[in-house]
Amino acid sequence: MRSALVILSFLAMLASGFWAYRENYATKEALREASRLSSDIARLQEALAVQRAEWAYLNRPDRLAELVSANFDRLGLLPMLPEQFAETRQLPEPAADPLAEGLDGIATVSAEDEELLP
């Protein structure tokens, strides 16, 4: 009985050693992956910052005004005026949501909405 207990203890010790060995290497692999992901995130954040800077540089108002004037014949773009914008109270009320009313509540175009249609 005593020898069986010693053998079982020895096998349990070998199994726990094998488990600890595997966990050690799995932990090291997870740390390497976390480090790689961290460096990827830093690299992508830097690339995003560069792209934002390029976007800001390309969207300079003076540059866009030059492009508009240079391509006026093809594009016909004009500067925006304050009169082109409406106030919130001038906007039409949104139509009722047909899904909120159920399947039989299909929205129809009212006379007020027909004025807005092309």
N, C-alpha and C. Protein backbone atom coordinates (compact mmCIF):
# COMPACT_ATOMS: atom_id res chain seq x y z
N MET A 1 0.82 -1.19 0.00
CA MET A 1 0.00 0.00 0.00
C MET A 1 0.87 1.25 0.00
N ARG A 2 1.96 1.17 0.79
CA ARG A 2 2.84 2.32 0.88
C ARG A 2 3.52 2.58 -0.46
N SER A 3 3.92 1.54 -1.16
CA SER A 3 4.60 1.71 -2.45
C SER A 3 3.62 2.29 -3.49
N ALA A 4 2.35 1.93 -3.42
CA ALA A 4 1.35 2.48 -4.34
C ALA A 4 1.17 3.97 -4.08
N LEU A 5 1.20 4.36 -2.80
CA LEU A 5 1.08 5.77 -2.45
C LEU A 5 2.29 6.56 -2.95
N VAL A 6 3.47 5.98 -2.83
CA VAL A 6 4.70 6.63 -3.31
C VAL A 6 4.64 6.76 -4.83
N ILE A 7 4.21 5.72 -5.50
CA ILE A 7 4.13 5.76 -6.97
C ILE A 7 3.09 6.80 -7.41
N LEU A 8 1.94 6.84 -6.76
CA LEU A 8 0.92 7.83 -7.11
C LEU A 8 1.41 9.25 -6.83
N SER A 9 2.13 9.43 -5.73
CA SER A 9 2.69 10.75 -5.41
C SER A 9 3.71 11.17 -6.47
N PHE A 10 4.56 10.21 -6.86
CA PHE A 10 5.56 10.49 -7.88
C PHE A 10 4.90 10.86 -9.21
N LEU A 11 3.85 10.13 -9.59
CA LEU A 11 3.14 10.43 -10.84
C LEU A 11 2.43 11.79 -10.76
N ALA A 12 1.89 12.10 -9.59
CA ALA A 12 1.25 13.41 -9.41
C ALA A 12 2.28 14.53 -9.52
N MET A 13 3.49 14.30 -8.95
CA MET A 13 4.56 15.28 -9.04
C MET A 13 4.99 15.46 -10.50
N LEU A 14 5.12 14.39 -11.26
CA LEU A 14 5.48 14.49 -12.67
C LEU A 14 4.40 15.22 -13.47
N ALA A 15 3.13 14.92 -13.18
CA ALA A 15 2.03 15.58 -13.89
C ALA A 15 2.00 17.08 -13.58
N SER A 16 2.21 17.44 -12.30
CA SER A 16 2.20 18.87 -11.96
C SER A 16 3.41 19.58 -12.55
N GLY A 17 4.56 18.90 -12.63
CA GLY A 17 5.73 19.49 -13.28
C GLY A 17 5.49 19.71 -14.76
N PHE A 18 4.90 18.73 -15.41
CA PHE A 18 4.58 18.86 -16.83
C PHE A 18 3.58 20.00 -17.05
N TRP A 19 2.56 20.09 -16.19
CA TRP A 19 1.57 21.17 -16.28
C TRP A 19 2.24 22.54 -16.09
N ALA A 20 3.12 22.65 -15.09
CA ALA A 20 3.80 23.92 -14.83
C ALA A 20 4.69 24.30 -16.01
N TYR A 21 5.36 23.32 -16.60
CA TYR A 21 6.21 23.57 -17.77
C TYR A 21 5.40 24.12 -18.93
N ARG A 22 4.23 23.50 -19.21
CA ARG A 22 3.36 23.97 -20.29
C ARG A 22 2.81 25.36 -20.00
N GLU A 23 2.39 25.61 -18.76
CA GLU A 23 1.85 26.93 -18.40
C GLU A 23 2.91 28.00 -18.52
N ASN A 24 4.16 27.67 -18.18
CA ASN A 24 5.25 28.62 -18.29
C ASN A 24 5.42 29.07 -19.75
N TYR A 25 5.46 28.12 -20.66
CA TYR A 25 5.63 28.47 -22.06
C TYR A 25 4.38 29.14 -22.66
N ALA A 26 3.21 28.75 -22.19
CA ALA A 26 1.99 29.42 -22.65
C ALA A 26 1.96 30.87 -22.18
N THR A 27 2.43 31.11 -20.96
CA THR A 27 2.49 32.48 -20.43
C THR A 27 3.49 33.31 -21.20
N LYS A 28 4.65 32.74 -21.48
CA LYS A 28 5.66 33.47 -22.27
C LYS A 28 5.13 33.81 -23.66
N GLU A 29 4.41 32.89 -24.27
CA GLU A 29 3.83 33.13 -25.59
C GLU A 29 2.77 34.24 -25.52
N ALA A 30 1.95 34.22 -24.47
CA ALA A 30 0.94 35.26 -24.30
C ALA A 30 1.59 36.63 -24.10
N LEU A 31 2.68 36.68 -23.36
CA LEU A 31 3.40 37.94 -23.15
C LEU A 31 4.01 38.45 -24.46
N ARG A 32 4.56 37.53 -25.26
CA ARG A 32 5.11 37.94 -26.57
C ARG A 32 4.00 38.48 -27.47
N GLU A 33 2.84 37.82 -27.46
CA GLU A 33 1.70 38.27 -28.28
C GLU A 33 1.20 39.63 -27.80
N ALA A 34 1.14 39.83 -26.49
CA ALA A 34 0.71 41.12 -25.96
C ALA A 34 1.69 42.22 -26.34
N SER A 35 2.97 41.91 -26.30
CA SER A 35 3.99 42.88 -26.69
C SER A 35 3.87 43.22 -28.18
N ARG A 36 3.64 42.20 -28.99
CA ARG A 36 3.49 42.42 -30.43
C ARG A 36 2.25 43.28 -30.72
N LEU A 37 1.15 42.97 -30.05
CA LEU A 37 -0.07 43.76 -30.24
C LEU A 37 0.12 45.19 -29.78
N SER A 38 0.83 45.38 -28.69
CA SER A 38 1.09 46.72 -28.19
C SER A 38 1.92 47.53 -29.19
N SER A 39 2.92 46.90 -29.78
CA SER A 39 3.72 47.61 -30.78
C SER A 39 2.91 47.87 -32.06
N ASP A 40 2.03 46.94 -32.42
CA ASP A 40 1.15 47.16 -33.57
C ASP A 40 0.22 48.34 -33.32
N ILE A 41 -0.33 48.42 -32.12
CA ILE A 41 -1.23 49.52 -31.78
C ILE A 41 -0.49 50.85 -31.84
N ALA A 42 0.72 50.90 -31.30
CA ALA A 42 1.51 52.13 -31.34
C ALA A 42 1.82 52.53 -32.78
N ARG A 43 2.17 51.54 -33.61
CA ARG A 43 2.48 51.83 -35.01
C ARG A 43 1.24 52.35 -35.75
N LEU A 44 0.08 51.73 -35.50
CA LEU A 44 -1.15 52.18 -36.16
C LEU A 44 -1.60 53.55 -35.66
N GLN A 45 -1.38 53.84 -34.37
CA GLN A 45 -1.72 55.17 -33.85
C GLN A 45 -0.84 56.24 -34.49
N GLU A 46 0.42 55.91 -34.69
CA GLU A 46 1.32 56.86 -35.35
C GLU A 46 0.91 57.07 -36.81
N ALA A 47 0.54 56.00 -37.50
CA ALA A 47 0.09 56.13 -38.89
C ALA A 47 -1.19 56.95 -38.96
N LEU A 48 -2.09 56.76 -38.00
CA LEU A 48 -3.33 57.53 -37.97
C LEU A 48 -3.05 59.01 -37.73
N ALA A 49 -2.10 59.31 -36.86
CA ALA A 49 -1.73 60.71 -36.61
C ALA A 49 -1.16 61.34 -37.88
N VAL A 50 -0.37 60.59 -38.63
CA VAL A 50 0.19 61.10 -39.88
C VAL A 50 -0.93 61.35 -40.89
N GLN A 51 -1.89 60.42 -40.98
CA GLN A 51 -2.99 60.60 -41.92
C GLN A 51 -3.88 61.77 -41.53
N ARG A 52 -4.08 61.99 -40.23
CA ARG A 52 -4.85 63.16 -39.80
C ARG A 52 -4.14 64.45 -40.15
N ALA A 53 -2.82 64.46 -40.01
CA ALA A 53 -2.04 65.65 -40.37
C ALA A 53 -2.12 65.89 -41.87
N GLU A 54 -2.02 64.84 -42.67
CA GLU A 54 -2.13 64.99 -44.12
C GLU A 54 -3.52 65.49 -44.51
N TRP A 55 -4.56 64.98 -43.85
CA TRP A 55 -5.93 65.41 -44.14
C TRP A 55 -6.08 66.89 -43.82
N ALA A 56 -5.56 67.31 -42.68
CA ALA A 56 -5.64 68.73 -42.30
C ALA A 56 -4.88 69.59 -43.30
N TYR A 57 -3.74 69.10 -43.77
CA TYR A 57 -2.94 69.85 -44.74
C TYR A 57 -3.69 69.96 -46.08
N LEU A 58 -4.30 68.87 -46.51
CA LEU A 58 -5.01 68.89 -47.79
C LEU A 58 -6.33 69.65 -47.74
N ASN A 59 -6.90 69.81 -46.56
CA ASN A 59 -8.18 70.52 -46.42
C ASN A 59 -8.02 71.97 -46.02
N ARG A 60 -6.86 72.55 -46.25
CA ARG A 60 -6.67 73.97 -45.95
C ARG A 60 -7.62 74.79 -46.82
N PRO A 61 -8.31 75.77 -46.26
CA PRO A 61 -9.27 76.57 -47.04
C PRO A 61 -8.63 77.27 -48.23
N ASP A 62 -7.41 77.79 -48.07
CA ASP A 62 -6.77 78.48 -49.20
C ASP A 62 -6.47 77.51 -50.34
N ARG A 63 -6.04 76.29 -50.01
CA ARG A 63 -5.77 75.29 -51.05
C ARG A 63 -7.06 74.88 -51.75
N LEU A 64 -8.12 74.65 -50.99
CA LEU A 64 -9.39 74.26 -51.59
C LEU A 64 -9.96 75.38 -52.46
N ALA A 65 -9.79 76.64 -52.04
CA ALA A 65 -10.26 77.76 -52.85
C ALA A 65 -9.51 77.81 -54.18
N GLU A 66 -8.22 77.54 -54.14
CA GLU A 66 -7.43 77.51 -55.38
C GLU A 66 -7.90 76.38 -56.30
N LEU A 67 -8.19 75.22 -55.73
CA LEU A 67 -8.67 74.10 -56.54
C LEU A 67 -10.03 74.39 -57.16
N VAL A 68 -10.90 75.04 -56.38
CA VAL A 68 -12.22 75.37 -56.90
C VAL A 68 -12.10 76.36 -58.05
N SER A 69 -11.28 77.39 -57.88
CA SER A 69 -11.14 78.38 -58.96
C SER A 69 -10.45 77.77 -60.18
N ALA A 70 -9.51 76.87 -59.98
CA ALA A 70 -8.81 76.25 -61.11
C ALA A 70 -9.72 75.30 -61.87
N ASN A 71 -10.69 74.68 -61.20
CA ASN A 71 -11.57 73.71 -61.83
C ASN A 71 -13.01 74.21 -61.96
N PHE A 72 -13.20 75.52 -61.98
CA PHE A 72 -14.54 76.07 -62.02
C PHE A 72 -15.27 75.66 -63.31
N ASP A 73 -14.57 75.61 -64.43
CA ASP A 73 -15.21 75.25 -65.70
C ASP A 73 -15.80 73.84 -65.65
N ARG A 74 -15.10 72.91 -65.03
CA ARG A 74 -15.58 71.54 -64.97
C ARG A 74 -16.58 71.31 -63.84
N LEU A 75 -16.35 71.91 -62.70
CA LEU A 75 -17.16 71.61 -61.52
C LEU A 75 -18.29 72.61 -61.28
N GLY A 76 -18.05 73.86 -61.59
CA GLY A 76 -19.06 74.90 -61.38
C GLY A 76 -19.36 75.14 -59.90
N LEU A 77 -18.38 74.96 -59.04
CA LEU A 77 -18.59 75.15 -57.60
C LEU A 77 -18.56 76.63 -57.25
N LEU A 78 -19.46 77.04 -56.38
CA LEU A 78 -19.52 78.41 -55.91
C LEU A 78 -19.36 78.41 -54.39
N PRO A 79 -18.93 79.54 -53.82
CA PRO A 79 -18.82 79.57 -52.36
C PRO A 79 -20.19 79.46 -51.70
N MET A 80 -20.23 78.85 -50.53
CA MET A 80 -21.49 78.73 -49.80
C MET A 80 -21.82 80.06 -49.15
N LEU A 81 -23.09 80.39 -49.18
CA LEU A 81 -23.57 81.63 -48.59
C LEU A 81 -24.48 81.30 -47.41
N PRO A 82 -24.58 82.20 -46.44
CA PRO A 82 -25.46 81.94 -45.29
C PRO A 82 -26.92 81.77 -45.69
N GLU A 83 -27.34 82.36 -46.80
CA GLU A 83 -28.73 82.25 -47.23
C GLU A 83 -29.08 80.84 -47.71
N GLN A 84 -28.07 80.02 -47.98
CA GLN A 84 -28.31 78.67 -48.46
C GLN A 84 -28.69 77.70 -47.34
N PHE A 85 -28.56 78.12 -46.10
CA PHE A 85 -28.85 77.26 -44.96
C PHE A 85 -30.19 77.64 -44.37
N ALA A 86 -30.93 76.64 -43.92
CA ALA A 86 -32.23 76.86 -43.30
C ALA A 86 -32.09 76.76 -41.79
N GLU A 87 -33.02 77.39 -41.10
CA GLU A 87 -33.06 77.25 -39.65
C GLU A 87 -33.87 76.00 -39.31
N THR A 88 -33.71 75.54 -38.11
CA THR A 88 -34.37 74.30 -37.71
C THR A 88 -35.89 74.42 -37.79
N ARG A 89 -36.43 75.56 -37.44
CA ARG A 89 -37.89 75.73 -37.47
C ARG A 89 -38.44 75.74 -38.89
N GLN A 90 -37.58 75.95 -39.89
CA GLN A 90 -38.03 75.96 -41.28
C GLN A 90 -38.06 74.56 -41.90
N LEU A 91 -37.48 73.59 -41.23
CA LEU A 91 -37.44 72.23 -41.77
C LEU A 91 -38.79 71.55 -41.57
N PRO A 92 -39.20 70.70 -42.52
CA PRO A 92 -40.48 69.99 -42.37
C PRO A 92 -40.39 68.95 -41.26
N GLU A 93 -41.53 68.65 -40.68
CA GLU A 93 -41.59 67.62 -39.65
C GLU A 93 -41.29 66.26 -40.28
N PRO A 94 -40.58 65.40 -39.58
CA PRO A 94 -40.30 64.07 -40.16
C PRO A 94 -41.59 63.26 -40.26
N ALA A 95 -41.65 62.44 -41.29
CA ALA A 95 -42.82 61.57 -41.49
C ALA A 95 -42.86 60.53 -40.39
N ALA A 96 -44.05 60.04 -40.11
CA ALA A 96 -44.20 59.01 -39.08
C ALA A 96 -43.47 57.75 -39.52
N ASP A 97 -42.91 57.05 -38.58
CA ASP A 97 -42.17 55.82 -38.86
C ASP A 97 -43.19 54.70 -39.10
N PRO A 98 -43.24 54.12 -40.34
CA PRO A 98 -44.22 53.07 -40.61
C PRO A 98 -43.97 51.81 -39.79
N LEU A 99 -42.73 51.54 -39.42
CA LEU A 99 -42.45 50.34 -38.63
C LEU A 99 -42.97 50.49 -37.20
N ALA A 100 -43.01 51.73 -36.71
CA ALA A 100 -43.52 51.94 -35.36
C ALA A 100 -45.05 51.76 -35.33
N GLU A 101 -45.70 52.02 -36.44
CA GLU A 101 -47.16 51.90 -36.51
C GLU A 101 -47.61 50.48 -36.83
N GLY A 102 -46.73 49.63 -37.24
CA GLY A 102 -47.08 48.27 -37.63
C GLY A 102 -46.98 48.12 -39.13
N LEU A 103 -47.22 46.93 -39.62
CA LEU A 103 -47.08 46.66 -41.04
C LEU A 103 -48.14 47.34 -41.89
N ASP A 104 -49.33 47.59 -41.34
CA ASP A 104 -50.39 48.21 -42.14
C ASP A 104 -50.27 49.74 -42.15
N GLY A 105 -49.37 50.31 -41.40
CA GLY A 105 -49.23 51.77 -41.34
C GLY A 105 -48.22 52.28 -42.35
N ILE A 106 -48.50 52.11 -43.64
CA ILE A 106 -47.58 52.55 -44.68
C ILE A 106 -47.70 54.07 -44.81
N ALA A 107 -46.54 54.74 -44.81
CA ALA A 107 -46.54 56.20 -44.88
C ALA A 107 -46.92 56.66 -46.28
N THR A 108 -47.71 57.69 -46.36
CA THR A 108 -48.09 58.28 -47.64
C THR A 108 -47.48 59.67 -47.73
N VAL A 109 -47.34 60.16 -48.94
CA VAL A 109 -46.78 61.48 -49.17
C VAL A 109 -47.89 62.50 -49.02
N SER A 110 -47.67 63.45 -48.11
CA SER A 110 -48.68 64.49 -47.90
C SER A 110 -48.47 65.61 -48.91
N ALA A 111 -49.41 66.53 -48.99
CA ALA A 111 -49.32 67.65 -49.92
C ALA A 111 -48.13 68.53 -49.58
N GLU A 112 -47.82 68.66 -48.29
CA GLU A 112 -46.68 69.47 -47.88
C GLU A 112 -45.38 68.81 -48.35
N ASP A 113 -45.32 67.47 -48.27
CA ASP A 113 -44.11 66.77 -48.68
C ASP A 113 -43.95 66.77 -50.20
N GLU A 114 -45.06 66.83 -50.96
CA GLU A 114 -44.96 66.82 -52.41
C GLU A 114 -44.24 68.05 -52.93
N GLU A 115 -44.34 69.15 -52.20
CA GLU A 115 -43.64 70.37 -52.62
C GLU A 115 -42.14 70.19 -52.55
N LEU A 116 -41.67 69.33 -51.66
CA LEU A 116 -40.25 69.12 -51.48
C LEU A 116 -39.67 68.12 -52.49
N LEU A 117 -40.53 67.29 -53.09
CA LEU A 117 -40.07 66.30 -54.05
C LEU A 117 -39.66 66.95 -55.36
N PRO A 118 -38.65 66.39 -56.02
CA PRO A 118 -38.21 66.97 -57.32
C PRO A 118 -39.21 66.74 -58.43
